PDB file of N, CA and C in Angstrom:
ATOM      1  N   MET A   1    -160.359  16.883  60.359  1.00  0.00           N
ATOM      2  CA  MET A   1    -160.447  15.457  60.146  1.00  0.00           C
ATOM      3  C   MET A   1    -161.783  14.956  60.692  1.00  0.00           C
ATOM      4  N   ILE A   2    -162.500  14.220  59.885  1.00  0.00           N
ATOM      5  CA  ILE A   2    -163.803  13.694  60.303  1.00  0.00           C
ATOM      6  C   ILE A   2    -163.678  12.179  60.457  1.00  0.00           C
ATOM      7  N   PHE A   3    -164.125  11.681  61.609  1.00  0.00           N
ATOM      8  CA  PHE A   3    -164.070  10.245  61.893  1.00  0.00           C
ATOM      9  C   PHE A   3    -165.482   9.699  61.988  1.00  0.00           C
ATOM     10  N   ASN A   4    -165.637   8.448  61.583  1.00  0.00           N
ATOM     11  CA  ASN A   4    -166.932   7.811  61.806  1.00  0.00           C
ATOM     12  C   ASN A   4    -166.908   7.143  63.182  1.00  0.00           C
ATOM     13  N   LYS A   5    -168.055   6.636  63.634  1.00  0.00           N
ATOM     14  CA  LYS A   5    -168.150   6.099  65.001  1.00  0.00           C
ATOM     15  C   LYS A   5    -167.182   4.951  65.274  1.00  0.00           C
ATOM     16  N   PRO A   6    -167.042   3.956  64.392  1.00  0.00           N
ATOM     17  CA  PRO A   6    -166.094   2.874  64.692  1.00  0.00           C
ATOM     18  C   PRO A   6    -164.661   3.378  64.848  1.00  0.00           C
ATOM     19  N   GLU A   7    -164.274   4.342  64.031  1.00  0.00           N
ATOM     20  CA  GLU A   7    -162.925   4.902  64.149  1.00  0.00           C
ATOM     21  C   GLU A   7    -162.750   5.634  65.478  1.00  0.00           C
ATOM     22  N   LEU A   8    -163.793   6.355  65.890  1.00  0.00           N
ATOM     23  CA  LEU A   8    -163.715   7.072  67.168  1.00  0.00           C
ATOM     24  C   LEU A   8    -163.586   6.093  68.329  1.00  0.00           C
ATOM     25  N   PHE A   9    -164.329   4.982  68.274  1.00  0.00           N
ATOM     26  CA  PHE A   9    -164.228   3.975  69.328  1.00  0.00           C
ATOM     27  C   PHE A   9    -162.825   3.368  69.352  1.00  0.00           C
ATOM     28  N   GLN A  10    -162.275   3.115  68.167  1.00  0.00           N
ATOM     29  CA  GLN A  10    -160.917   2.566  68.102  1.00  0.00           C
ATOM     30  C   GLN A  10    -159.906   3.550  68.673  1.00  0.00           C
ATOM     31  N   LEU A  11    -160.027   4.824  68.288  1.00  0.00           N
ATOM     32  CA  LEU A  11    -159.111   5.844  68.800  1.00  0.00           C
ATOM     33  C   LEU A  11    -159.257   6.005  70.310  1.00  0.00           C
ATOM     34  N   SER A  12    -160.488   5.924  70.780  1.00  0.00           N
ATOM     35  CA  SER A  12    -160.737   6.028  72.218  1.00  0.00           C
ATOM     36  C   SER A  12    -160.100   4.861  72.962  1.00  0.00           C
ATOM     37  N   ALA A  13    -160.246   3.657  72.410  1.00  0.00           N
ATOM     38  CA  ALA A  13    -159.660   2.465  73.030  1.00  0.00           C
ATOM     39  C   ALA A  13    -158.133   2.540  73.011  1.00  0.00           C
ATOM     40  N   ILE A  14    -157.581   3.009  71.905  1.00  0.00           N
ATOM     41  CA  ILE A  14    -156.119   3.152  71.804  1.00  0.00           C
ATOM     42  C   ILE A  14    -155.639   4.180  72.827  1.00  0.00           C
ATOM     43  N   GLY A  15    -156.340   5.289  72.926  1.00  0.00           N
ATOM     44  CA  GLY A  15    -155.973   6.328  73.905  1.00  0.00           C
ATOM     45  C   GLY A  15    -156.040   5.805  75.327  1.00  0.00           C
ATOM     46  N   ALA A  16    -157.097   5.072  75.646  1.00  0.00           N
ATOM     47  CA  ALA A  16    -157.232   4.507  76.991  1.00  0.00           C
ATOM     48  C   ALA A  16    -156.116   3.507  77.265  1.00  0.00           C
ATOM     49  N   GLY A  17    -155.776   2.710  76.262  1.00  0.00           N
ATOM     50  CA  GLY A  17    -154.684   1.746  76.415  1.00  0.00           C
ATOM     51  C   GLY A  17    -153.351   2.435  76.642  1.00  0.00           C
ATOM     52  N   LEU A  18    -153.106   3.512  75.915  1.00  0.00           N
ATOM     53  CA  LEU A  18    -151.855   4.269  76.087  1.00  0.00           C
ATOM     54  C   LEU A  18    -151.793   4.916  77.466  1.00  0.00           C
ATOM     55  N   LEU A  19    -152.919   5.439  77.932  1.00  0.00           N
ATOM     56  CA  LEU A  19    -152.944   6.019  79.280  1.00  0.00           C
ATOM     57  C   LEU A  19    -152.650   4.956  80.333  1.00  0.00           C
ATOM     58  N   GLU A  20    -153.241   3.784  80.178  1.00  0.00           N
ATOM     59  CA  GLU A  20    -153.000   2.685  81.130  1.00  0.00           C
ATOM     60  C   GLU A  20    -151.546   2.247  81.083  1.00  0.00           C
ATOM     61  N   LEU A  21    -150.987   2.142  79.907  1.00  0.00           N
ATOM     62  CA  LEU A  21    -149.580   1.770  79.756  1.00  0.00           C
ATOM     63  C   LEU A  21    -148.684   2.805  80.436  1.00  0.00           C
ATOM     64  N   GLY A  22    -148.997   4.072  80.264  1.00  0.00           N
ATOM     65  CA  GLY A  22    -148.239   5.136  80.920  1.00  0.00           C
ATOM     66  C   GLY A  22    -148.342   5.053  82.430  1.00  0.00           C
ATOM     67  N   ARG A  23    -149.542   4.755  82.930  1.00  0.00           N
ATOM     68  CA  ARG A  23    -149.751   4.632  84.378  1.00  0.00           C
ATOM     69  C   ARG A  23    -148.945   3.474  84.944  1.00  0.00           C
ATOM     70  N   ILE A  24    -148.973   2.329  84.267  1.00  0.00           N
ATOM     71  CA  ILE A  24    -148.224   1.152  84.709  1.00  0.00           C
ATOM     72  C   ILE A  24    -146.728   1.441  84.677  1.00  0.00           C
ATOM     73  N   THR A  25    -146.270   2.080  83.609  1.00  0.00           N
ATOM     74  CA  THR A  25    -144.844   2.433  83.494  1.00  0.00           C
ATOM     75  C   THR A  25    -144.434   3.339  84.648  1.00  0.00           C
ATOM     76  N   LEU A  26    -145.264   4.316  84.972  1.00  0.00           N
ATOM     77  CA  LEU A  26    -144.968   5.234  86.069  1.00  0.00           C
ATOM     78  C   LEU A  26    -144.918   4.490  87.402  1.00  0.00           C
ATOM     79  N   GLU A  27    -145.859   3.562  87.632  1.00  0.00           N
ATOM     80  CA  GLU A  27    -145.865   2.784  88.877  1.00  0.00           C
ATOM     81  C   GLU A  27    -144.610   1.932  88.999  1.00  0.00           C
ATOM     82  N   VAL A  28    -144.224   1.271  87.920  1.00  0.00           N
ATOM     83  CA  VAL A  28    -143.029   0.430  87.937  1.00  0.00           C
ATOM     84  C   VAL A  28    -141.794   1.280  88.194  1.00  0.00           C
ATOM     85  N   SER A  29    -141.712   2.425  87.525  1.00  0.00           N
ATOM     86  CA  SER A  29    -140.579   3.328  87.701  1.00  0.00           C
ATOM     87  C   SER A  29    -140.519   3.832  89.143  1.00  0.00           C
ATOM     88  N   HIS A  30    -141.665   4.189  89.700  1.00  0.00           N
ATOM     89  CA  HIS A  30    -141.740   4.682  91.074  1.00  0.00           C
ATOM     90  C   HIS A  30    -141.289   3.598  92.046  1.00  0.00           C
ATOM     91  N   ALA A  31    -141.738   2.373  91.845  1.00  0.00           N
ATOM     92  CA  ALA A  31    -141.338   1.269  92.716  1.00  0.00           C
ATOM     93  C   ALA A  31    -139.837   1.023  92.614  1.00  0.00           C
ATOM     94  N   HIS A  32    -139.290   1.133  91.417  1.00  0.00           N
ATOM     95  CA  HIS A  32    -137.851   0.930  91.213  1.00  0.00           C
ATOM     96  C   HIS A  32    -137.059   1.996  91.973  1.00  0.00           C
ATOM     97  N   VAL A  33    -137.496   3.233  91.879  1.00  0.00           N
ATOM     98  CA  VAL A  33    -136.821   4.329  92.580  1.00  0.00           C
ATOM     99  C   VAL A  33    -136.924   4.125  94.089  1.00  0.00           C
ATOM    100  N   GLU A  34    -138.108   3.704  94.575  1.00  0.00           N
ATOM    101  CA  GLU A  34    -138.274   3.452  96.010  1.00  0.00           C
ATOM    102  C   GLU A  34    -137.322   2.361  96.487  1.00  0.00           C
ATOM    103  N   ARG A  35    -137.176   1.294  95.707  1.00  0.00           N
ATOM    104  CA  ARG A  35    -136.256   0.208  96.086  1.00  0.00           C
ATOM    105  C   ARG A  35    -134.820   0.713  96.142  1.00  0.00           C
ATOM    106  N   LYS A  36    -134.422   1.550  95.177  1.00  0.00           N
ATOM    107  CA  LYS A  36    -133.062   2.099  95.181  1.00  0.00           C
ATOM    108  C   LYS A  36    -132.835   2.972  96.408  1.00  0.00           C
ATOM    109  N   ILE A  37    -133.818   3.797  96.746  1.00  0.00           N
ATOM    110  CA  ILE A  37    -133.696   4.666  97.918  1.00  0.00           C
ATOM    111  C   ILE A  37    -133.560   3.816  99.184  1.00  0.00           C
ATOM    112  N   MET A  38    -134.380   2.779  99.307  1.00  0.00           N
ATOM    113  CA  MET A  38    -134.313   1.914 100.490  1.00  0.00           C
ATOM    114  C   MET A  38    -132.974   1.189 100.552  1.00  0.00           C
ATOM    115  N   ARG A  39    -132.484   0.733  99.426  1.00  0.00           N
ATOM    116  CA  ARG A  39    -131.193   0.041  99.388  1.00  0.00           C
ATOM    117  C   ARG A  39    -130.086   0.995  99.839  1.00  0.00           C
ATOM    118  N   ASN A  40    -130.112   2.233  99.329  1.00  0.00           N
ATOM    119  CA  ASN A  40    -129.111   3.221  99.728  1.00  0.00           C
ATOM    120  C   ASN A  40    -129.220   3.544 101.209  1.00  0.00           C
ATOM    121  N   ALA A  41    -130.440   3.683 101.713  1.00  0.00           N
ATOM    122  CA  ALA A  41    -130.637   3.971 103.136  1.00  0.00           C
ATOM    123  C   ALA A  41    -130.107   2.823 103.991  1.00  0.00           C
ATOM    124  N   ASN A  42    -130.345   1.588 103.563  1.00  0.00           N
ATOM    125  CA  ASN A  42    -129.851   0.427 104.304  1.00  0.00           C
ATOM    126  C   ASN A  42    -128.326   0.382 104.299  1.00  0.00           C
ATOM    127  N   GLU A  43    -127.719   0.701 103.157  1.00  0.00           N
ATOM    128  CA  GLU A  43    -126.259   0.718 103.082  1.00  0.00           C
ATOM    129  C   GLU A  43    -125.680   1.805 103.976  1.00  0.00           C
ATOM    130  N   ILE A  44    -126.284   2.976 103.972  1.00  0.00           N
ATOM    131  CA  ILE A  44    -125.811   4.069 104.826  1.00  0.00           C
ATOM    132  C   ILE A  44    -125.939   3.666 106.292  1.00  0.00           C
ATOM    133  N   SER A  45    -127.071   3.081 106.651  1.00  0.00           N
ATOM    134  CA  SER A  45    -127.290   2.633 108.028  1.00  0.00           C
ATOM    135  C   SER A  45    -126.232   1.603 108.430  1.00  0.00           C
ATOM    136  N   TYR A  46    -125.939   0.679 107.541  1.00  0.00           N
ATOM    137  CA  TYR A  46    -124.926  -0.348 107.815  1.00  0.00           C
ATOM    138  C   TYR A  46    -123.564   0.296 108.090  1.00  0.00           C
ATOM    139  N   PHE A  47    -123.171   1.255 107.250  1.00  0.00           N
ATOM    140  CA  PHE A  47    -121.868   1.895 107.422  1.00  0.00           C
ATOM    141  C   PHE A  47    -121.822   2.755 108.680  1.00  0.00           C
ATOM    142  N   VAL A  48    -122.927   3.404 109.015  1.00  0.00           N
ATOM    143  CA  VAL A  48    -122.975   4.209 110.245  1.00  0.00           C
ATOM    144  C   VAL A  48    -122.820   3.297 111.457  1.00  0.00           C
ATOM    145  N   GLN A  49    -123.527   2.159 111.455  1.00  0.00           N
ATOM    146  CA  GLN A  49    -123.413   1.208 112.574  1.00  0.00           C
ATOM    147  C   GLN A  49    -122.000   0.641 112.670  1.00  0.00           C
ATOM    148  N   ALA A  50    -121.405   0.314 111.522  1.00  0.00           N
ATOM    149  CA  ALA A  50    -120.046  -0.226 111.514  1.00  0.00           C
ATOM    150  C   ALA A  50    -119.066   0.806 112.058  1.00  0.00           C
ATOM    151  N   LYS A  51    -119.263   2.064 111.694  1.00  0.00           N
ATOM    152  CA  LYS A  51    -118.382   3.135 112.171  1.00  0.00           C
ATOM    153  C   LYS A  51    -118.528   3.291 113.686  1.00  0.00           C
ATOM    154  N   LYS A  52    -119.766   3.235 114.183  1.00  0.00           N
ATOM    155  CA  LYS A  52    -119.994   3.345 115.630  1.00  0.00           C
ATOM    156  C   LYS A  52    -119.320   2.191 116.372  1.00  0.00           C
ATOM    157  N   LYS A  53    -119.444   0.968 115.839  1.00  0.00           N
ATOM    158  CA  LYS A  53    -118.811  -0.195 116.474  1.00  0.00           C
ATOM    159  C   LYS A  53    -117.312  -0.057 116.467  1.00  0.00           C
ATOM    160  N   LEU A  54    -116.732   0.398 115.372  1.00  0.00           N
ATOM    161  CA  LEU A  54    -115.305   0.588 115.266  1.00  0.00           C
ATOM    162  C   LEU A  54    -114.825   1.645 116.265  1.00  0.00           C
ATOM    163  N   LYS A  55    -115.571   2.730 116.349  1.00  0.00           N
ATOM    164  CA  LYS A  55    -115.218   3.802 117.279  1.00  0.00           C
ATOM    165  C   LYS A  55    -115.289   3.291 118.721  1.00  0.00           C
ATOM    166  N   ALA A  56    -116.318   2.509 119.060  1.00  0.00           N
ATOM    167  CA  ALA A  56    -116.490   1.971 120.396  1.00  0.00           C
ATOM    168  C   ALA A  56    -115.378   0.982 120.729  1.00  0.00           C
ATOM    169  N   SER A  57    -114.961   0.197 119.751  1.00  0.00           N
ATOM    170  CA  SER A  57    -113.896  -0.787 120.008  1.00  0.00           C
ATOM    171  C   SER A  57    -112.534  -0.135 120.152  1.00  0.00           C
ATOM    172  N   ASN A  58    -112.354   1.055 119.582  1.00  0.00           N
ATOM    173  CA  ASN A  58    -111.089   1.788 119.708  1.00  0.00           C
ATOM    174  C   ASN A  58    -110.968   2.508 121.042  1.00  0.00           C
ATOM    175  N   ASN A  59    -112.101   2.724 121.726  1.00  0.00           N
ATOM    176  CA  ASN A  59    -112.069   3.432 123.018  1.00  0.00           C
ATOM    177  C   ASN A  59    -111.879   2.513 124.142  1.00  0.00           C
TER     178      ASN A  59
END
């Protein structure tokens, strides 16, 4: 396939745009996963503290 210069510039711009879109998608996905992990860690911490308080109140 032979492309002329304007077509190559368009393809290059489209490729760069797709790479940027992929990078942004990856960042958003990573941030979402980090928030889920932190939420789970906070919930686990809450239940561990509640269990310790319950155990202390039973003694």
